[in-house]
Amino acid sequence: MTQLTLEMPESAFASLHKEPREFAQEMRIAAAVKWYELGRFSQGRAAEVAGLTRAEFIDALSRYRVSPFQYTEEEIVEELRDDD
């Protein structure tokens, strides 16, 4: 696994009431959720990036109010047409 080093102002930790280690984990989750929401990662890959199981990642999606489904309106309509 590759390790990254980020410089963050101390105030960032205080703002979220997190220790640096907790802050780093929360950043991983937030980034993975956003990349999933943008369709750049599958659930499995996003969970891996976040350091979570897939079930834990789905829970994280709920906390961030992001749908666990990556279907566009057009894809749903198309799939419904295919069922007829």
PDB file of N, CA and C in Angstrom:
ATOM      1  N   MET A   1       0.846  -1.172   0.000  1.00  0.00           N
ATOM      2  CA  MET A   1       0.000   0.000   0.000  1.00  0.00           C
ATOM      3  C   MET A   1       0.893   1.237   0.000  1.00  0.00           C
ATOM      4  N   THR A   2       0.518   2.229  -0.781  1.00  0.00           N
ATOM      5  CA  THR A   2       1.267   3.478  -0.848  1.00  0.00           C
ATOM      6  C   THR A   2       0.845   4.388   0.285  1.00  0.00           C
ATOM      7  N   GLN A   3       1.807   5.069   0.858  1.00  0.00           N
ATOM      8  CA  GLN A   3       1.529   5.996   1.950  1.00  0.00           C
ATOM      9  C   GLN A   3       1.703   7.417   1.442  1.00  0.00           C
ATOM     10  N   LEU A   4       0.749   8.285   1.776  1.00  0.00           N
ATOM     11  CA  LEU A   4       0.805   9.694   1.399  1.00  0.00           C
ATOM     12  C   LEU A   4       1.027  10.547   2.638  1.00  0.00           C
ATOM     13  N   THR A   5       1.704  11.658   2.453  1.00  0.00           N
ATOM     14  CA  THR A   5       1.893  12.611   3.535  1.00  0.00           C
ATOM     15  C   THR A   5       1.243  13.914   3.124  1.00  0.00           C
ATOM     16  N   LEU A   6       0.343  14.417   3.960  1.00  0.00           N
ATOM     17  CA  LEU A   6      -0.346  15.674   3.691  1.00  0.00           C
ATOM     18  C   LEU A   6      -0.039  16.672   4.790  1.00  0.00           C
ATOM     19  N   GLU A   7       0.113  17.911   4.411  1.00  0.00           N
ATOM     20  CA  GLU A   7       0.259  18.966   5.400  1.00  0.00           C
ATOM     21  C   GLU A   7      -1.112  19.586   5.611  1.00  0.00           C
ATOM     22  N   MET A   8      -1.563  19.587   6.858  1.00  0.00           N
ATOM     23  CA  MET A   8      -2.880  20.115   7.199  1.00  0.00           C
ATOM     24  C   MET A   8      -2.721  21.114   8.338  1.00  0.00           C
ATOM     25  N   PRO A   9      -3.495  22.190   8.310  1.00  0.00           N
ATOM     26  CA  PRO A   9      -3.441  23.121   9.447  1.00  0.00           C
ATOM     27  C   PRO A   9      -4.036  22.442  10.686  1.00  0.00           C
ATOM     28  N   GLU A  10      -3.483  22.726  11.835  1.00  0.00           N
ATOM     29  CA  GLU A  10      -3.976  22.152  13.093  1.00  0.00           C
ATOM     30  C   GLU A  10      -5.459  22.454  13.289  1.00  0.00           C
ATOM     31  N   SER A  11      -5.917  23.585  12.782  1.00  0.00           N
ATOM     32  CA  SER A  11      -7.317  23.969  12.968  1.00  0.00           C
ATOM     33  C   SER A  11      -8.278  22.992  12.290  1.00  0.00           C
ATOM     34  N   ALA A  12      -7.813  22.293  11.262  1.00  0.00           N
ATOM     35  CA  ALA A  12      -8.669  21.323  10.572  1.00  0.00           C
ATOM     36  C   ALA A  12      -9.071  20.198  11.520  1.00  0.00           C
ATOM     37  N   PHE A  13      -8.143  19.740  12.334  1.00  0.00           N
ATOM     38  CA  PHE A  13      -8.433  18.670  13.287  1.00  0.00           C
ATOM     39  C   PHE A  13      -9.405  19.160  14.353  1.00  0.00           C
ATOM     40  N   ALA A  14      -9.167  20.358  14.831  1.00  0.00           N
ATOM     41  CA  ALA A  14     -10.028  20.922  15.874  1.00  0.00           C
ATOM     42  C   ALA A  14     -11.441  21.150  15.358  1.00  0.00           C
ATOM     43  N   SER A  15     -11.569  21.586  14.111  1.00  0.00           N
ATOM     44  CA  SER A  15     -12.886  21.862  13.534  1.00  0.00           C
ATOM     45  C   SER A  15     -13.767  20.617  13.513  1.00  0.00           C
ATOM     46  N   LEU A  16     -13.172  19.469  13.260  1.00  0.00           N
ATOM     47  CA  LEU A  16     -13.934  18.222  13.199  1.00  0.00           C
ATOM     48  C   LEU A  16     -13.856  17.423  14.500  1.00  0.00           C
ATOM     49  N   HIS A  17     -13.146  17.976  15.482  1.00  0.00           N
ATOM     50  CA  HIS A  17     -12.982  17.296  16.777  1.00  0.00           C
ATOM     51  C   HIS A  17     -12.420  15.894  16.580  1.00  0.00           C
ATOM     52  N   LYS A  18     -11.365  15.816  15.764  1.00  0.00           N
ATOM     53  CA  LYS A  18     -10.739  14.532  15.442  1.00  0.00           C
ATOM     54  C   LYS A  18      -9.237  14.619  15.700  1.00  0.00           C
ATOM     55  N   GLU A  19      -8.686  13.497  16.092  1.00  0.00           N
ATOM     56  CA  GLU A  19      -7.238  13.354  16.167  1.00  0.00           C
ATOM     57  C   GLU A  19      -6.734  13.162  14.739  1.00  0.00           C
ATOM     58  N   PRO A  20      -5.459  13.446  14.462  1.00  0.00           N
ATOM     59  CA  PRO A  20      -4.947  13.296  13.091  1.00  0.00           C
ATOM     60  C   PRO A  20      -5.235  11.939  12.452  1.00  0.00           C
ATOM     61  N   ARG A  21      -5.112  10.853  13.184  1.00  0.00           N
ATOM     62  CA  ARG A  21      -5.367   9.528  12.632  1.00  0.00           C
ATOM     63  C   ARG A  21      -6.840   9.370  12.245  1.00  0.00           C
ATOM     64  N   GLU A  22      -7.751   9.836  13.110  1.00  0.00           N
ATOM     65  CA  GLU A  22      -9.187   9.782  12.813  1.00  0.00           C
ATOM     66  C   GLU A  22      -9.522  10.685  11.632  1.00  0.00           C
ATOM     67  N   PHE A  23      -8.880  11.848  11.586  1.00  0.00           N
ATOM     68  CA  PHE A  23      -9.090  12.794  10.492  1.00  0.00           C
ATOM     69  C   PHE A  23      -8.690  12.165   9.165  1.00  0.00           C
ATOM     70  N   ALA A  24      -7.542  11.483   9.143  1.00  0.00           N
ATOM     71  CA  ALA A  24      -7.067  10.835   7.917  1.00  0.00           C
ATOM     72  C   ALA A  24      -8.053   9.759   7.465  1.00  0.00           C
ATOM     73  N   GLN A  25      -8.576   8.970   8.401  1.00  0.00           N
ATOM     74  CA  GLN A  25      -9.557   7.943   8.043  1.00  0.00           C
ATOM     75  C   GLN A  25     -10.824   8.588   7.494  1.00  0.00           C
ATOM     76  N   GLU A  26     -11.275   9.671   8.114  1.00  0.00           N
ATOM     77  CA  GLU A  26     -12.473  10.356   7.639  1.00  0.00           C
ATOM     78  C   GLU A  26     -12.255  10.939   6.242  1.00  0.00           C
ATOM     79  N   MET A  27     -11.049  11.420   5.960  1.00  0.00           N
ATOM     80  CA  MET A  27     -10.733  11.929   4.622  1.00  0.00           C
ATOM     81  C   MET A  27     -10.786  10.804   3.593  1.00  0.00           C
ATOM     82  N   ARG A  28     -10.272   9.636   3.940  1.00  0.00           N
ATOM     83  CA  ARG A  28     -10.314   8.489   3.021  1.00  0.00           C
ATOM     84  C   ARG A  28     -11.758   8.130   2.689  1.00  0.00           C
ATOM     85  N   ILE A  29     -12.591   8.105   3.713  1.00  0.00           N
ATOM     86  CA  ILE A  29     -13.997   7.755   3.504  1.00  0.00           C
ATOM     87  C   ILE A  29     -14.686   8.816   2.659  1.00  0.00           C
ATOM     88  N   ALA A  30     -14.484  10.089   3.009  1.00  0.00           N
ATOM     89  CA  ALA A  30     -15.132  11.177   2.270  1.00  0.00           C
ATOM     90  C   ALA A  30     -14.712  11.170   0.800  1.00  0.00           C
ATOM     91  N   ALA A  31     -13.435  10.952   0.536  1.00  0.00           N
ATOM     92  CA  ALA A  31     -12.953  10.912  -0.848  1.00  0.00           C
ATOM     93  C   ALA A  31     -13.564   9.728  -1.589  1.00  0.00           C
ATOM     94  N   ALA A  32     -13.591   8.570  -0.959  1.00  0.00           N
ATOM     95  CA  ALA A  32     -14.144   7.381  -1.605  1.00  0.00           C
ATOM     96  C   ALA A  32     -15.631   7.561  -1.898  1.00  0.00           C
ATOM     97  N   VAL A  33     -16.361   8.144  -0.954  1.00  0.00           N
ATOM     98  CA  VAL A  33     -17.792   8.393  -1.155  1.00  0.00           C
ATOM     99  C   VAL A  33     -17.989   9.331  -2.338  1.00  0.00           C
ATOM    100  N   LYS A  34     -17.220  10.397  -2.404  1.00  0.00           N
ATOM    101  CA  LYS A  34     -17.371  11.367  -3.496  1.00  0.00           C
ATOM    102  C   LYS A  34     -17.021  10.733  -4.837  1.00  0.00           C
ATOM    103  N   TRP A  35     -15.934   9.981  -4.897  1.00  0.00           N
ATOM    104  CA  TRP A  35     -15.548   9.345  -6.155  1.00  0.00           C
ATOM    105  C   TRP A  35     -16.582   8.310  -6.585  1.00  0.00           C
ATOM    106  N   TYR A  36     -17.188   7.620  -5.615  1.00  0.00           N
ATOM    107  CA  TYR A  36     -18.274   6.693  -5.927  1.00  0.00           C
ATOM    108  C   TYR A  36     -19.467   7.464  -6.484  1.00  0.00           C
ATOM    109  N   GLU A  37     -19.813   8.558  -5.810  1.00  0.00           N
ATOM    110  CA  GLU A  37     -20.951   9.383  -6.241  1.00  0.00           C
ATOM    111  C   GLU A  37     -20.749   9.902  -7.665  1.00  0.00           C
ATOM    112  N   LEU A  38     -19.533  10.225  -8.022  1.00  0.00           N
ATOM    113  CA  LEU A  38     -19.210  10.718  -9.365  1.00  0.00           C
ATOM    114  C   LEU A  38     -19.107   9.596 -10.399  1.00  0.00           C
ATOM    115  N   GLY A  39     -19.218   8.350  -9.941  1.00  0.00           N
ATOM    116  CA  GLY A  39     -19.153   7.221 -10.859  1.00  0.00           C
ATOM    117  C   GLY A  39     -17.743   6.826 -11.242  1.00  0.00           C
ATOM    118  N   ARG A  40     -16.762   7.300 -10.511  1.00  0.00           N
ATOM    119  CA  ARG A  40     -15.378   6.975 -10.836  1.00  0.00           C
ATOM    120  C   ARG A  40     -14.925   5.656 -10.220  1.00  0.00           C
ATOM    121  N   PHE A  41     -15.588   5.235  -9.122  1.00  0.00           N
ATOM    122  CA  PHE A  41     -15.262   3.983  -8.444  1.00  0.00           C
ATOM    123  C   PHE A  41     -16.504   3.129  -8.306  1.00  0.00           C
ATOM    124  N   SER A  42     -16.313   1.836  -8.353  1.00  0.00           N
ATOM    125  CA  SER A  42     -17.378   0.896  -7.987  1.00  0.00           C
ATOM    126  C   SER A  42     -17.480   0.896  -6.466  1.00  0.00           C
ATOM    127  N   GLN A  43     -18.542   0.277  -5.944  1.00  0.00           N
ATOM    128  CA  GLN A  43     -18.666   0.169  -4.492  1.00  0.00           C
ATOM    129  C   GLN A  43     -17.486  -0.583  -3.892  1.00  0.00           C
ATOM    130  N   GLY A  44     -17.097  -1.670  -4.541  1.00  0.00           N
ATOM    131  CA  GLY A  44     -15.988  -2.468  -4.028  1.00  0.00           C
ATOM    132  C   GLY A  44     -14.690  -1.687  -3.968  1.00  0.00           C
ATOM    133  N   ARG A  45     -14.375  -0.973  -5.045  1.00  0.00           N
ATOM    134  CA  ARG A  45     -13.134  -0.190  -5.080  1.00  0.00           C
ATOM    135  C   ARG A  45     -13.198   0.957  -4.073  1.00  0.00           C
ATOM    136  N   ALA A  46     -14.342   1.625  -3.982  1.00  0.00           N
ATOM    137  CA  ALA A  46     -14.494   2.731  -3.032  1.00  0.00           C
ATOM    138  C   ALA A  46     -14.350   2.228  -1.597  1.00  0.00           C
ATOM    139  N   ALA A  47     -14.922   1.076  -1.311  1.00  0.00           N
ATOM    140  CA  ALA A  47     -14.791   0.500   0.031  1.00  0.00           C
ATOM    141  C   ALA A  47     -13.322   0.219   0.344  1.00  0.00           C
ATOM    142  N   GLU A  48     -12.612  -0.302  -0.640  1.00  0.00           N
ATOM    143  CA  GLU A  48     -11.186  -0.589  -0.467  1.00  0.00           C
ATOM    144  C   GLU A  48     -10.411   0.693  -0.172  1.00  0.00           C
ATOM    145  N   VAL A  49     -10.652   1.734  -0.948  1.00  0.00           N
ATOM    146  CA  VAL A  49      -9.976   3.023  -0.740  1.00  0.00           C
ATOM    147  C   VAL A  49     -10.297   3.591   0.637  1.00  0.00           C
ATOM    148  N   ALA A  50     -11.553   3.432   1.049  1.00  0.00           N
ATOM    149  CA  ALA A  50     -11.983   3.948   2.348  1.00  0.00           C
ATOM    150  C   ALA A  50     -11.461   3.110   3.512  1.00  0.00           C
ATOM    151  N   GLY A  51     -10.977   1.903   3.216  1.00  0.00           N
ATOM    152  CA  GLY A  51     -10.506   1.024   4.284  1.00  0.00           C
ATOM    153  C   GLY A  51     -11.657   0.381   5.035  1.00  0.00           C
ATOM    154  N   LEU A  52     -12.782   0.162   4.332  1.00  0.00           N
ATOM    155  CA  LEU A  52     -13.990  -0.392   4.929  1.00  0.00           C
ATOM    156  C   LEU A  52     -14.414  -1.655   4.197  1.00  0.00           C
ATOM    157  N   THR A  53     -15.260  -2.446   4.854  1.00  0.00           N
ATOM    158  CA  THR A  53     -15.913  -3.533   4.142  1.00  0.00           C
ATOM    159  C   THR A  53     -16.978  -2.899   3.249  1.00  0.00           C
ATOM    160  N   ARG A  54     -17.502  -3.661   2.340  1.00  0.00           N
ATOM    161  CA  ARG A  54     -18.545  -3.124   1.457  1.00  0.00           C
ATOM    162  C   ARG A  54     -19.778  -2.718   2.258  1.00  0.00           C
ATOM    163  N   ALA A  55     -20.159  -3.516   3.239  1.00  0.00           N
ATOM    164  CA  ALA A  55     -21.317  -3.187   4.091  1.00  0.00           C
ATOM    165  C   ALA A  55     -21.059  -1.893   4.863  1.00  0.00           C
ATOM    166  N   GLU A  56     -19.855  -1.740   5.397  1.00  0.00           N
ATOM    167  CA  GLU A  56     -19.511  -0.507   6.119  1.00  0.00           C
ATOM    168  C   GLU A  56     -19.530   0.689   5.178  1.00  0.00           C
ATOM    169  N   PHE A  57     -19.084   0.468   3.932  1.00  0.00           N
ATOM    170  CA  PHE A  57     -19.094   1.565   2.961  1.00  0.00           C
ATOM    171  C   PHE A  57     -20.526   1.984   2.633  1.00  0.00           C
ATOM    172  N   ILE A  58     -21.421   1.027   2.496  1.00  0.00           N
ATOM    173  CA  ILE A  58     -22.827   1.358   2.236  1.00  0.00           C
ATOM    174  C   ILE A  58     -23.394   2.162   3.406  1.00  0.00           C
ATOM    175  N   ASP A  59     -23.006   1.820   4.627  1.00  0.00           N
ATOM    176  CA  ASP A  59     -23.412   2.620   5.790  1.00  0.00           C
ATOM    177  C   ASP A  59     -22.854   4.043   5.692  1.00  0.00           C
ATOM    178  N   ALA A  60     -21.607   4.157   5.243  1.00  0.00           N
ATOM    179  CA  ALA A  60     -20.994   5.476   5.081  1.00  0.00           C
ATOM    180  C   ALA A  60     -21.748   6.286   4.024  1.00  0.00           C
ATOM    181  N   LEU A  61     -22.160   5.632   2.939  1.00  0.00           N
ATOM    182  CA  LEU A  61     -22.945   6.323   1.918  1.00  0.00           C
ATOM    183  C   LEU A  61     -24.204   6.918   2.537  1.00  0.00           C
ATOM    184  N   SER A  62     -24.833   6.164   3.399  1.00  0.00           N
ATOM    185  CA  SER A  62     -26.038   6.647   4.074  1.00  0.00           C
ATOM    186  C   SER A  62     -25.729   7.868   4.930  1.00  0.00           C
ATOM    187  N   ARG A  63     -24.643   7.815   5.678  1.00  0.00           N
ATOM    188  CA  ARG A  63     -24.253   8.965   6.524  1.00  0.00           C
ATOM    189  C   ARG A  63     -24.002  10.216   5.680  1.00  0.00           C
ATOM    190  N   TYR A  64     -23.448  10.029   4.493  1.00  0.00           N
ATOM    191  CA  TYR A  64     -23.162  11.157   3.604  1.00  0.00           C
ATOM    192  C   TYR A  64     -24.336  11.488   2.678  1.00  0.00           C
ATOM    193  N   ARG A  65     -25.438  10.753   2.845  1.00  0.00           N
ATOM    194  CA  ARG A  65     -26.647  10.953   2.047  1.00  0.00           C
ATOM    195  C   ARG A  65     -26.395  10.775   0.544  1.00  0.00           C
ATOM    196  N   VAL A  66     -25.671   9.709   0.231  1.00  0.00           N
ATOM    197  CA  VAL A  66     -25.382   9.353  -1.158  1.00  0.00           C
ATOM    198  C   VAL A  66     -26.055   8.005  -1.431  1.00  0.00           C
ATOM    199  N   SER A  67     -26.772   7.931  -2.525  1.00  0.00           N
ATOM    200  CA  SER A  67     -27.465   6.701  -2.881  1.00  0.00           C
ATOM    201  C   SER A  67     -26.470   5.582  -3.169  1.00  0.00           C
ATOM    202  N   PRO A  68     -26.760   4.367  -2.711  1.00  0.00           N
ATOM    203  CA  PRO A  68     -25.881   3.249  -3.032  1.00  0.00           C
ATOM    204  C   PRO A  68     -26.066   2.746  -4.461  1.00  0.00           C
ATOM    205  N   PHE A  69     -27.025   3.312  -5.172  1.00  0.00           N
ATOM    206  CA  PHE A  69     -27.310   2.890  -6.546  1.00  0.00           C
ATOM    207  C   PHE A  69     -26.711   3.884  -7.526  1.00  0.00           C
ATOM    208  N   GLN A  70     -26.034   3.390  -8.546  1.00  0.00           N
ATOM    209  CA  GLN A  70     -25.374   4.252  -9.522  1.00  0.00           C
ATOM    210  C   GLN A  70     -26.103   4.267 -10.851  1.00  0.00           C
ATOM    211  N   TYR A  71     -27.397   4.239 -10.832  1.00  0.00           N
ATOM    212  CA  TYR A  71     -28.164   4.266 -12.064  1.00  0.00           C
ATOM    213  C   TYR A  71     -28.604   5.685 -12.388  1.00  0.00           C
ATOM    214  N   THR A  72     -28.491   6.061 -13.650  1.00  0.00           N
ATOM    215  CA  THR A  72     -29.048   7.334 -14.095  1.00  0.00           C
ATOM    216  C   THR A  72     -30.524   7.100 -14.399  1.00  0.00           C
ATOM    217  N   GLU A  73     -31.270   8.164 -14.532  1.00  0.00           N
ATOM    218  CA  GLU A  73     -32.685   8.059 -14.873  1.00  0.00           C
ATOM    219  C   GLU A  73     -32.862   7.314 -16.194  1.00  0.00           C
ATOM    220  N   GLU A  74     -31.997   7.612 -17.157  1.00  0.00           N
ATOM    221  CA  GLU A  74     -32.082   6.971 -18.462  1.00  0.00           C
ATOM    222  C   GLU A  74     -31.845   5.463 -18.361  1.00  0.00           C
ATOM    223  N   GLU A  75     -30.894   5.052 -17.535  1.00  0.00           N
ATOM    224  CA  GLU A  75     -30.606   3.630 -17.372  1.00  0.00           C
ATOM    225  C   GLU A  75     -31.785   2.890 -16.737  1.00  0.00           C
ATOM    226  N   ILE A  76     -32.434   3.528 -15.789  1.00  0.00           N
ATOM    227  CA  ILE A  76     -33.592   2.918 -15.140  1.00  0.00           C
ATOM    228  C   ILE A  76     -34.732   2.742 -16.146  1.00  0.00           C
ATOM    229  N   VAL A  77     -34.994   3.789 -16.920  1.00  0.00           N
ATOM    230  CA  VAL A  77     -36.053   3.723 -17.946  1.00  0.00           C
ATOM    231  C   VAL A  77     -35.725   2.638 -18.952  1.00  0.00           C
ATOM    232  N   GLU A  78     -34.487   2.573 -19.392  1.00  0.00           N
ATOM    233  CA  GLU A  78     -34.068   1.544 -20.355  1.00  0.00           C
ATOM    234  C   GLU A  78     -34.255   0.145 -19.787  1.00  0.00           C
ATOM    235  N   GLU A  79     -33.873  -0.040 -18.538  1.00  0.00           N
ATOM    236  CA  GLU A  79     -34.005  -1.348 -17.915  1.00  0.00           C
ATOM    237  C   GLU A  79     -35.486  -1.735 -17.770  1.00  0.00           C
ATOM    238  N   LEU A  80     -36.329  -0.775 -17.449  1.00  0.00           N
ATOM    239  CA  LEU A  80     -37.753  -1.054 -17.352  1.00  0.00           C
ATOM    240  C   LEU A  80     -38.348  -1.423 -18.721  1.00  0.00           C
ATOM    241  N   ARG A  81     -37.872  -0.780 -19.771  1.00  0.00           N
ATOM    242  CA  ARG A  81     -38.324  -1.110 -21.126  1.00  0.00           C
ATOM    243  C   ARG A  81     -37.908  -2.522 -21.506  1.00  0.00           C
ATOM    244  N   ASP A  82     -36.705  -2.901 -21.125  1.00  0.00           N
ATOM    245  CA  ASP A  82     -36.186  -4.233 -21.447  1.00  0.00           C
ATOM    246  C   ASP A  82     -36.991  -5.337 -20.773  1.00  0.00           C
ATOM    247  N   ASP A  83     -37.606  -5.035 -19.630  1.00  0.00           N
ATOM    248  CA  ASP A  83     -38.406  -6.038 -18.911  1.00  0.00           C
ATOM    249  C   ASP A  83     -39.740  -6.317 -19.582  1.00  0.00           C
ATOM    250  N   ASP A  84     -40.213  -5.406 -20.422  1.00  0.00           N
ATOM    251  CA  ASP A  84     -41.517  -5.586 -21.076  1.00  0.00           C
ATOM    252  C   ASP A  84     -41.468  -6.572 -22.202  1.00  0.00           C
TER     253      ASP A  84
END
